[in-house]
Amino acid sequence: MSRATKIVATLGPACNEDEVLERLLRAGVDVVRLNFSHGSAEDHIRRAETVRALAAKVGKTVALMADLQGPKIRVGRFADGKVQLEVGQPFVLDAARATPGDGAGVGLDYKELARDVRAGDTLLLNDGLIVLKVDDVRGEAVHTTVQVGGELSNNKGINKLGGGLTAPALTGKDMEDIRTAMSFRCDYLAVSFPKSATDMELARQLANVAGEALRHKPALIAKIERSEAIPQLEAILKASDGIMVARGDLAVEVGNAAVPALQKRMIRVAREMDKVVITATQMMESMIVNPVPTRAEVSDVANAVLDGTDAVMLSAETAAGKYPVQTVEAMAAIALEAEQAAEVRLDADFTNKKFARIDQSIAMAALFTAHHQGCKAIVALTESGSTALWMSRYNIRVPIYALTTSATTEARMALYRNVRPLRIAKFSDRDAALAEAERLLVSAGVLRPGDTYAITCGEPMGYPGGTNMLKVGQVG
């Protein structure tokens, strides 16, 4: 069986060697994440080139996602690298402090903190492991009392319970990084900490300008990790090509207990709005140090798959873990097993639905026909990838093969659930294109003599949004 759910893997020291990275791609990685919180521009450009070369060697389509760092909402550095905080202890977060921190307080990378908080607010540091209650704000210094203590080390993150930090989504560094990402034509650009559609619109403008010389426009992923983004979810989705359910910072701001329901809602709304969705953070966390996942992690990945996520993402597991390849293999096996249990409800899904566009109606007809006729594959000849995206929003056990003449479209579709992108030569004649599509899938072993398949295309050929034909073919 072929897996429908895609896997996003983060690059890092654990997979710096070409041999390990090649094994990751062979194990099932579909999208490679370049984390711009670490490394230089040269590092990212070199890694992007390496990924594409290895993907060509392996013979699969792999997308590149550049993940922007976003604002540094962090404490500064300590004289000894860390301090131990005790419950009831006073602790000062001081934006004006120039000396290294100690047990009494520390400086801030986030200089606006004093303007964003007031007495009574709760601050959560290091992913919520340290909890501080704000007692008073004096100038640039935020005076707090430790409510939950523990070890606090250099540059740990700061969140405010319930949200409300005013840091902009795009920093000066992000703007430079967008230019770097466009220089290697990243397929997806992930924007950290957006609070509104405006943040995503600005990112798109910057990316389009930076990519203009190369005539490249990336797809945008909004990372939903601020509580302010939740009421704006639909507007953010409209301004984006997809979202990432970034459960780390989001959980700190809204509380751990609220995240599972939010995750389900975000996946559902994204699919309803024909957007892609990635589920991320700590999915296989224990495999950073252990060769097998916990049962809870298996259930977490499986539930995201059953909810219909396009992709599940690995962060430190592949970037810095001891078992990067085994982690991908385990995640792929979990996803495949969960997909076999997922219910196909096409008849119910289409009840009382209306499709105003011809190309979307054809895409839906292809799903319905393939499901009821027992087709071995659905084949979409597509320029923009829209037909394949629409098809991928519905659960069906028939694999979708999206054939395109565009390298950009091919790479972008690597993230779409249940879509296998392939490149096809350009044809002006419809019958020649359909014959070549069948030949490609037969040569790939997807179709065999006697197999039926549903195929869609547009006539005249080669125009985005022009899909207007559905045919059921049979291999002779």
Protein backbone atom coordinates (compact mmCIF):
# COMPACT_ATOMS: atom_id res chain seq x y z
CA MET A 1 0.00 0.00 0.00
CA SER A 2 1.16 3.55 -0.67
CA ARG A 3 0.99 6.10 2.14
CA ALA A 4 -1.28 9.13 1.73
CA THR A 5 -0.08 11.25 4.67
CA LYS A 6 3.13 13.14 3.98
CA ILE A 7 6.15 13.42 6.29
CA VAL A 8 8.05 16.66 6.93
CA ALA A 9 11.56 16.25 8.37
CA THR A 10 13.79 18.98 9.80
CA LEU A 11 17.45 19.15 8.82
CA GLY A 12 20.14 19.42 11.48
CA PRO A 13 23.37 17.88 12.76
CA ALA A 14 21.86 14.38 12.91
CA CYS A 15 21.33 14.27 9.14
CA ASN A 16 24.12 16.50 7.85
CA GLU A 17 25.81 13.59 6.09
CA ASP A 18 24.54 12.91 2.59
CA GLU A 19 24.25 9.18 3.31
CA VAL A 20 21.88 9.78 6.26
CA LEU A 21 19.83 12.33 4.34
CA GLU A 22 19.46 9.93 1.41
CA ARG A 23 18.24 7.24 3.80
CA LEU A 24 15.69 9.69 5.22
CA LEU A 25 14.30 10.36 1.75
CA ARG A 26 14.13 6.64 1.00
CA ALA A 27 12.43 6.02 4.37
CA GLY A 28 9.57 8.30 3.39
CA VAL A 29 10.37 12.02 3.81
CA ASP A 30 8.31 14.12 1.39
CA VAL A 31 9.17 17.65 2.57
CA VAL A 32 12.46 18.85 4.03
CA ARG A 33 12.29 21.71 6.53
CA LEU A 34 15.14 24.20 6.70
CA ASN A 35 14.96 25.85 10.13
CA PHE A 36 16.19 29.45 9.76
CA SER A 37 16.55 29.76 13.54
CA HIS A 38 19.89 28.00 13.06
CA GLY A 39 22.64 28.19 10.48
CA SER A 40 23.88 30.75 7.96
CA ALA A 41 22.45 31.67 4.58
CA GLU A 42 25.26 29.69 2.96
CA ASP A 43 24.35 26.64 5.05
CA HIS A 44 20.73 26.74 3.89
CA ILE A 45 21.61 27.26 0.24
CA ARG A 46 24.07 24.36 0.33
CA ARG A 47 21.58 22.07 2.06
CA ALA A 48 18.84 22.95 -0.41
CA GLU A 49 21.12 22.00 -3.30
CA THR A 50 22.03 18.74 -1.56
CA VAL A 51 18.39 17.80 -0.92
CA ARG A 52 17.45 18.35 -4.54
CA ALA A 53 20.41 16.38 -5.81
CA LEU A 54 19.63 13.46 -3.51
CA ALA A 55 15.91 13.58 -4.37
CA ALA A 56 16.83 13.27 -8.04
CA LYS A 57 19.10 10.34 -7.20
CA VAL A 58 16.38 8.61 -5.21
CA GLY A 59 13.82 9.38 -7.92
CA LYS A 60 11.14 11.10 -5.86
CA THR A 61 9.65 14.57 -5.62
CA VAL A 62 10.69 16.34 -2.42
CA ALA A 63 9.58 19.87 -1.46
CA LEU A 64 11.73 22.39 0.42
CA MET A 65 10.18 24.40 3.25
CA ALA A 66 12.03 27.44 4.61
CA ASP A 67 10.86 28.07 8.18
CA LEU A 68 11.45 31.66 9.34
CA GLN A 69 12.68 32.25 12.88
CA GLY A 70 10.25 35.03 13.73
CA PRO A 71 10.72 37.38 16.69
CA LYS A 72 13.18 36.36 19.42
CA ILE A 73 10.90 36.42 22.45
CA ARG A 74 13.59 35.12 24.79
CA VAL A 75 15.53 35.81 27.95
CA GLY A 76 19.20 36.76 27.61
CA ARG A 77 22.26 34.86 28.73
CA PHE A 78 23.45 33.91 32.23
CA ALA A 79 26.94 34.29 33.66
CA ASP A 80 27.05 30.56 34.42
CA GLY A 81 24.85 29.48 31.51
CA LYS A 82 21.89 28.72 33.76
CA VAL A 83 20.27 29.37 37.16
CA GLN A 84 18.03 27.39 39.47
CA LEU A 85 14.79 29.20 40.35
CA GLU A 86 12.87 28.33 43.52
CA VAL A 87 9.17 28.83 44.25
CA GLY A 88 8.55 32.21 45.92
CA GLN A 89 11.84 33.67 44.75
CA PRO A 90 11.80 37.19 43.23
CA PHE A 91 13.18 37.37 39.70
CA VAL A 92 13.60 40.40 37.42
CA LEU A 93 13.37 40.40 33.62
CA ASP A 94 15.16 43.61 32.65
CA ALA A 95 15.38 44.85 29.06
CA ALA A 96 17.96 47.46 30.11
CA ARG A 97 20.31 44.96 31.72
CA ALA A 98 23.63 44.68 29.87
CA THR A 99 25.41 42.25 32.20
CA PRO A 100 24.90 38.46 32.16
CA GLY A 101 22.07 37.12 34.28
CA ASP A 102 22.15 35.51 37.72
CA GLY A 103 19.74 34.23 40.33
CA ALA A 104 18.26 37.70 40.80
CA GLY A 105 17.40 38.40 37.18
CA VAL A 106 18.38 38.38 33.52
CA GLY A 107 18.34 40.60 30.46
CA LEU A 108 15.99 40.21 27.51
CA ASP A 109 16.26 39.68 23.78
CA TYR A 110 12.64 40.85 23.66
CA LYS A 111 12.96 44.51 24.65
CA GLU A 112 9.21 45.28 24.49
CA LEU A 113 8.22 42.95 27.33
CA ALA A 114 7.77 45.76 29.88
CA ARG A 115 5.22 47.44 27.59
CA ASP A 116 3.26 44.22 27.01
CA VAL A 117 2.64 43.10 30.60
CA ARG A 118 1.15 44.42 33.80
CA ALA A 119 0.84 43.28 37.42
CA GLY A 120 -1.11 40.03 37.70
CA ASP A 121 -0.04 38.63 34.33
CA THR A 122 1.50 35.17 34.11
CA LEU A 123 4.69 34.57 32.13
CA LEU A 124 5.72 31.11 31.01
CA LEU A 125 9.38 30.43 30.24
CA ASN A 126 11.06 27.45 28.60
CA ASP A 127 7.85 26.03 27.08
CA GLY A 128 5.92 26.57 30.30
CA LEU A 129 8.29 24.68 32.59
CA ILE A 130 9.01 27.91 34.51
CA VAL A 131 6.05 30.06 35.62
CA LEU A 132 6.46 33.66 36.82
CA LYS A 133 3.78 35.98 38.23
CA VAL A 134 4.23 39.65 37.34
CA ASP A 135 4.27 41.82 40.50
CA ASP A 136 5.24 45.18 39.07
CA VAL A 137 6.66 46.90 35.99
CA ARG A 138 9.24 49.63 36.61
CA GLY A 139 10.65 51.23 33.52
CA GLU A 140 12.27 48.49 31.44
CA ALA A 141 12.23 45.97 34.31
CA VAL A 142 9.50 43.40 34.92
CA HIS A 143 9.52 42.27 38.57
CA THR A 144 8.11 38.79 39.12
CA THR A 145 7.74 36.03 41.68
CA VAL A 146 8.52 32.42 40.76
CA GLN A 147 5.39 30.25 40.94
CA VAL A 148 6.85 27.13 39.34
CA GLY A 149 10.61 26.81 39.64
CA GLY A 150 13.30 24.84 37.91
CA GLU A 151 16.40 25.28 35.79
CA LEU A 152 16.43 28.29 33.46
CA SER A 153 19.24 28.48 30.92
CA ASN A 154 20.38 30.86 28.19
CA ASN A 155 17.95 32.19 25.57
CA LYS A 156 14.86 30.29 26.68
CA GLY A 157 11.55 31.44 25.25
CA ILE A 158 8.97 33.68 26.92
CA ASN A 159 5.21 33.36 26.51
CA LYS A 160 2.39 35.26 28.14
CA LEU A 161 -0.54 33.17 29.32
CA GLY A 162 -3.47 34.07 27.10
CA GLY A 163 -1.26 35.87 24.58
CA GLY A 164 -0.80 39.59 24.14
CA LEU A 165 2.87 40.00 23.25
CA THR A 166 3.14 42.63 20.52
CA ALA A 167 6.24 41.37 18.70
CA PRO A 168 5.75 41.62 14.91
CA ALA A 169 5.62 38.36 12.96
CA LEU A 170 8.38 39.45 10.57
CA THR A 171 11.71 40.78 11.81
CA GLY A 172 14.62 42.31 9.92
CA LYS A 173 16.32 38.91 10.01
CA ASP A 174 13.23 37.27 8.55
CA MET A 175 13.25 39.71 5.65
CA GLU A 176 16.87 38.81 4.87
CA ASP A 177 16.03 35.13 5.22
CA ILE A 178 13.15 35.47 2.75
CA ARG A 179 15.68 36.70 0.18
CA THR A 180 17.89 33.70 0.94
CA ALA A 181 14.95 31.30 0.64
CA MET A 182 13.96 32.79 -2.69
CA SER A 183 17.52 32.44 -4.00
CA PHE A 184 17.11 28.64 -3.90
CA ARG A 185 13.41 28.76 -4.85
CA CYS A 186 11.94 27.32 -1.67
CA ASP A 187 8.64 25.61 -2.39
CA TYR A 188 7.04 26.58 0.93
CA LEU A 189 7.75 29.54 3.21
CA ALA A 190 6.61 29.04 6.81
CA VAL A 191 5.89 32.24 8.73
CA SER A 192 6.30 32.12 12.51
CA PHE A 193 3.91 33.79 14.99
CA PRO A 194 1.43 35.45 12.57
CA LYS A 195 -1.47 37.08 14.39
CA SER A 196 -3.55 38.18 11.42
CA ALA A 197 -4.03 37.93 7.67
CA THR A 198 -2.03 41.13 7.34
CA ASP A 199 1.10 39.36 8.58
CA MET A 200 0.71 36.72 5.88
CA GLU A 201 -0.06 39.29 3.17
CA LEU A 202 3.13 41.18 4.02
CA ALA A 203 5.16 37.96 3.92
CA ARG A 204 3.70 37.12 0.51
CA GLN A 205 4.56 40.56 -0.86
CA LEU A 206 8.14 40.30 0.40
CA ALA A 207 8.53 36.77 -1.00
CA ASN A 208 7.08 37.68 -4.38
CA VAL A 209 9.38 40.71 -4.69
CA ALA A 210 12.42 38.67 -3.61
CA GLY A 211 11.57 35.91 -6.08
CA GLU A 212 10.64 38.17 -8.98
CA ALA A 213 14.02 37.91 -10.73
CA LEU A 214 13.66 34.12 -10.75
CA ARG A 215 9.92 34.28 -11.53
CA HIS A 216 9.27 32.23 -8.43
CA LYS A 217 6.40 32.55 -5.97
CA PRO A 218 6.42 30.17 -3.00
CA ALA A 219 3.39 28.78 -1.20
CA LEU A 220 2.94 30.27 2.29
CA ILE A 221 2.36 28.30 5.50
CA ALA A 222 1.10 30.18 8.57
CA LYS A 223 2.36 28.67 11.82
CA ILE A 224 -0.49 28.90 14.30
CA GLU A 225 1.32 29.36 17.61
CA ARG A 226 -0.20 32.49 19.16
CA SER A 227 -3.52 32.61 20.95
CA GLU A 228 -4.41 35.76 18.98
CA ALA A 229 -4.28 33.71 15.78
CA ILE A 230 -7.15 31.42 16.82
CA PRO A 231 -10.00 33.95 16.36
CA GLN A 232 -8.37 34.99 13.08
CA LEU A 233 -7.95 31.44 11.77
CA GLU A 234 -10.24 31.69 8.75
CA ALA A 235 -8.81 35.06 7.69
CA ILE A 236 -5.24 33.77 8.08
CA LEU A 237 -6.12 30.70 6.03
CA LYS A 238 -7.56 32.86 3.24
CA ALA A 239 -4.27 34.79 3.09
CA SER A 240 -2.16 31.60 3.15
CA ASP A 241 -1.76 28.35 1.23
CA GLY A 242 -1.82 26.30 4.39
CA ILE A 243 -1.22 26.26 8.13
CA MET A 244 0.99 24.46 10.59
CA VAL A 245 -0.55 23.37 13.88
CA ALA A 246 2.51 24.45 15.90
CA ARG A 247 1.58 22.86 19.19
CA GLY A 248 4.60 24.00 21.25
CA ASP A 249 4.15 27.75 21.68
CA LEU A 250 0.40 27.44 21.13
CA ALA A 251 0.05 25.04 24.07
CA VAL A 252 2.01 27.39 26.32
CA GLU A 253 -0.30 30.30 25.50
CA VAL A 254 -3.70 28.55 25.54
CA GLY A 255 -2.92 25.64 27.88
CA ASN A 256 -2.09 22.04 27.04
CA ALA A 257 -5.66 20.82 27.54
CA ALA A 258 -7.04 23.13 24.84
CA VAL A 259 -4.67 21.99 22.08
CA PRO A 260 -6.22 18.64 20.98
CA ALA A 261 -9.60 20.22 20.23
CA LEU A 262 -7.93 23.19 18.52
CA GLN A 263 -5.86 20.78 16.42
CA LYS A 264 -8.97 18.97 15.24
CA ARG A 265 -10.70 22.24 14.44
CA MET A 266 -7.72 23.62 12.51
CA ILE A 267 -7.38 20.47 10.41
CA ARG A 268 -11.11 20.47 9.65
CA VAL A 269 -11.29 24.16 8.73
CA ALA A 270 -8.16 23.97 6.57
CA ARG A 271 -9.58 21.05 4.59
CA GLU A 272 -12.94 22.78 4.20
CA MET A 273 -11.16 25.86 2.82
CA ASP A 274 -9.02 23.78 0.41
CA LYS A 275 -5.79 24.56 2.25
CA VAL A 276 -3.01 22.20 3.34
CA VAL A 277 -2.28 21.51 7.01
CA ILE A 278 0.81 20.23 8.82
CA THR A 279 0.64 18.87 12.38
CA ALA A 280 3.86 19.53 14.29
CA THR A 281 5.76 19.47 17.60
CA GLN A 282 6.80 16.52 19.74
CA MET A 283 5.07 13.92 17.58
CA MET A 284 7.83 11.35 18.15
CA GLU A 285 9.75 13.22 20.86
CA SER A 286 10.97 10.15 22.74
CA MET A 287 12.75 8.88 19.62
CA ILE A 288 15.31 11.67 20.01
CA VAL A 289 16.98 9.25 22.43
CA ASN A 290 15.03 5.97 22.09
CA PRO A 291 14.82 3.60 19.09
CA VAL A 292 11.04 3.11 19.44
CA PRO A 293 8.17 5.55 20.08
CA THR A 294 5.89 5.54 23.10
CA ARG A 295 2.36 4.22 22.73
CA ALA A 296 1.08 7.75 23.33
CA GLU A 297 3.17 9.06 20.42
CA VAL A 298 1.84 6.31 18.16
CA SER A 299 -1.70 7.36 19.06
CA ASP A 300 -0.88 11.05 18.57
CA VAL A 301 0.41 10.52 15.03
CA ALA A 302 -2.45 8.15 14.18
CA ASN A 303 -5.11 10.58 15.43
CA ALA A 304 -3.68 13.42 13.34
CA VAL A 305 -3.81 11.12 10.32
CA LEU A 306 -7.38 10.08 11.09
CA ASP A 307 -8.35 13.75 11.41
CA GLY A 308 -7.10 14.31 7.85
CA THR A 309 -3.84 16.22 8.26
CA ASP A 310 -1.86 16.52 5.04
CA ALA A 311 1.44 15.98 6.83
CA VAL A 312 3.01 15.13 10.16
CA MET A 313 6.25 16.86 11.05
CA LEU A 314 9.45 15.87 12.82
CA SER A 315 11.65 18.55 14.41
CA ALA A 316 14.43 17.60 16.83
CA GLU A 317 13.73 13.94 16.10
CA THR A 318 15.49 14.19 12.72
CA ALA A 319 17.51 17.37 13.32
CA ALA A 320 19.34 16.26 16.46
CA GLY A 321 18.05 12.82 17.43
CA LYS A 322 19.97 9.56 17.69
CA TYR A 323 17.57 7.66 15.40
CA PRO A 324 16.46 9.94 12.54
CA VAL A 325 15.93 7.21 9.94
CA GLN A 326 14.17 4.86 12.33
CA THR A 327 11.88 7.72 13.40
CA VAL A 328 10.77 8.36 9.82
CA GLU A 329 10.24 4.65 9.22
CA ALA A 330 8.14 4.37 12.39
CA MET A 331 6.07 7.44 11.52
CA ALA A 332 5.44 6.15 8.00
CA ALA A 333 4.27 2.78 9.35
CA ILE A 334 1.90 4.44 11.86
CA ALA A 335 0.41 6.71 9.20
CA LEU A 336 -0.14 3.83 6.78
CA GLU A 337 -1.87 1.73 9.42
CA ALA A 338 -4.12 4.61 10.47
CA GLU A 339 -5.11 5.34 6.88
CA GLN A 340 -6.40 1.80 6.44
CA ALA A 341 -8.78 2.40 9.35
CA ALA A 342 -10.03 5.77 8.11
CA GLU A 343 -13.64 5.80 6.94
CA VAL A 344 -14.42 6.71 3.31
CA ARG A 345 -17.60 8.82 3.24
CA LEU A 346 -17.62 10.31 -0.24
CA ASP A 347 -21.36 9.88 -0.74
CA ALA A 348 -22.10 11.71 2.51
CA ASP A 349 -19.38 14.28 1.88
CA PHE A 350 -20.96 15.31 -1.42
CA THR A 351 -24.56 15.44 -0.15
CA ASN A 352 -26.07 18.91 -0.61
CA LYS A 353 -22.75 20.30 -1.89
CA LYS A 354 -22.58 22.60 -4.87
CA PHE A 355 -19.50 23.31 -6.95
CA ALA A 356 -19.67 26.54 -8.93
CA ARG A 357 -16.49 25.95 -10.96
CA ILE A 358 -16.30 23.46 -13.82
CA ASP A 359 -12.77 22.34 -12.92
CA GLN A 360 -13.75 21.70 -9.30
CA SER A 361 -16.86 19.79 -10.40
CA ILE A 362 -14.69 17.59 -12.64
CA ALA A 363 -12.30 16.92 -9.75
CA MET A 364 -15.17 15.82 -7.51
CA ALA A 365 -16.67 13.69 -10.28
CA ALA A 366 -13.32 11.92 -10.68
CA LEU A 367 -13.27 11.02 -6.97
CA PHE A 368 -16.85 9.74 -7.03
CA THR A 369 -16.33 7.73 -10.22
CA ALA A 370 -13.02 6.18 -9.14
CA HIS A 371 -14.47 5.17 -5.78
CA HIS A 372 -17.58 3.50 -7.22
CA GLN A 373 -15.90 1.97 -10.27
CA GLY A 374 -13.05 0.46 -8.29
CA CYS A 375 -10.35 2.32 -10.26
CA LYS A 376 -6.71 1.59 -9.48
CA ALA A 377 -5.72 5.25 -9.75
CA ILE A 378 -6.97 8.76 -10.32
CA VAL A 379 -4.83 10.72 -12.79
CA ALA A 380 -4.97 14.52 -12.97
CA LEU A 381 -3.19 16.43 -15.72
CA THR A 382 -2.74 19.80 -14.02
CA GLU A 383 -0.83 23.02 -14.57
CA SER A 384 -1.52 24.80 -11.28
CA GLY A 385 -2.11 21.75 -9.07
CA SER A 386 -5.60 22.96 -8.07
CA THR A 387 -7.36 19.84 -9.37
CA ALA A 388 -5.09 17.60 -7.30
CA LEU A 389 -5.51 19.82 -4.23
CA TRP A 390 -9.30 19.65 -4.42
CA MET A 391 -9.19 15.88 -4.80
CA SER A 392 -6.84 15.57 -1.82
CA ARG A 393 -9.36 17.22 0.55
CA TYR A 394 -11.48 14.05 0.62
CA ASN A 395 -10.55 10.69 2.07
CA ILE A 396 -10.36 8.03 -0.63
CA ARG A 397 -8.23 4.92 -0.82
CA VAL A 398 -7.57 5.39 -4.53
CA PRO A 399 -4.15 7.04 -5.04
CA ILE A 400 -4.08 10.35 -6.95
CA TYR A 401 -1.31 10.82 -9.52
CA ALA A 402 -0.87 14.48 -10.47
CA LEU A 403 0.98 14.96 -13.76
CA THR A 404 2.30 18.42 -14.53
CA THR A 405 4.73 20.16 -16.85
CA SER A 406 5.69 22.65 -14.09
CA ALA A 407 8.59 21.94 -11.73
CA THR A 408 7.15 24.40 -9.20
CA THR A 409 3.74 22.72 -9.21
CA GLU A 410 5.32 19.28 -8.99
CA ALA A 411 7.28 20.19 -5.86
CA ARG A 412 4.36 21.98 -4.21
CA MET A 413 2.12 18.93 -4.63
CA ALA A 414 4.59 16.81 -2.62
CA LEU A 415 2.80 18.12 0.49
CA TYR A 416 -0.76 17.28 -0.64
CA ARG A 417 -2.32 14.31 1.09
CA ASN A 418 -2.71 11.21 -1.13
CA VAL A 419 -1.15 12.98 -4.14
CA ARG A 420 1.87 11.56 -6.01
CA PRO A 421 3.31 14.26 -8.29
CA LEU A 422 4.98 13.34 -11.57
CA ARG A 423 6.45 15.41 -14.40
CA ILE A 424 5.08 15.00 -17.90
CA ALA A 425 6.21 16.50 -21.19
CA LYS A 426 4.16 19.32 -22.67
CA PHE A 427 1.52 18.30 -25.23
CA SER A 428 -0.83 20.40 -27.29
CA ASP A 429 -2.83 17.35 -28.40
CA ARG A 430 -5.19 15.89 -25.80
CA ASP A 431 -5.11 12.29 -26.99
CA ALA A 432 -1.30 12.29 -27.09
CA ALA A 433 -1.21 13.63 -23.51
CA LEU A 434 -3.65 10.98 -22.28
CA ALA A 435 -1.67 8.20 -23.96
CA GLU A 436 1.57 9.47 -22.43
CA ALA A 437 -0.03 9.64 -18.98
CA GLU A 438 -1.09 5.99 -19.24
CA ARG A 439 2.36 5.00 -20.49
CA LEU A 440 4.06 6.74 -17.56
CA LEU A 441 1.90 4.98 -14.97
CA VAL A 442 2.29 1.59 -16.63
CA SER A 443 6.07 2.00 -16.79
CA ALA A 444 6.07 3.00 -13.09
CA GLY A 445 4.18 -0.18 -12.21
CA VAL A 446 1.12 1.72 -11.01
CA LEU A 447 -1.17 0.35 -13.73
CA ARG A 448 -1.25 -3.08 -15.34
CA PRO A 449 -3.17 -4.52 -18.30
CA GLY A 450 -6.87 -4.61 -17.52
CA ASP A 451 -6.72 -1.92 -14.81
CA THR A 452 -9.17 0.96 -14.98
CA TYR A 453 -8.35 4.54 -13.99
CA ALA A 454 -10.06 7.92 -13.95
CA ILE A 455 -8.21 10.73 -15.72
CA THR A 456 -8.93 14.46 -15.89
CA CYS A 457 -7.50 17.15 -18.14
CA GLY A 458 -8.34 20.45 -19.79
CA GLU A 459 -8.98 21.20 -23.43
CA PRO A 460 -7.32 23.15 -24.93
CA MET A 461 -4.23 21.83 -23.12
CA GLY A 462 -1.82 23.85 -21.00
CA TYR A 463 -4.05 26.46 -19.34
CA PRO A 464 -4.27 26.70 -15.51
CA GLY A 465 -7.82 26.27 -14.23
CA GLY A 466 -8.97 24.72 -17.50
CA THR A 467 -9.81 21.17 -16.36
CA ASN A 468 -13.05 20.32 -18.11
CA MET A 469 -12.87 16.62 -19.02
CA LEU A 470 -13.14 13.30 -17.16
CA LYS A 471 -12.49 9.95 -18.80
CA VAL A 472 -12.43 6.41 -17.45
CA GLY A 473 -9.64 4.53 -19.18
CA GLN A 474 -8.59 0.89 -19.22
CA VAL A 475 -5.08 -0.34 -19.85
CA GLY A 476 -5.06 -2.54 -22.95
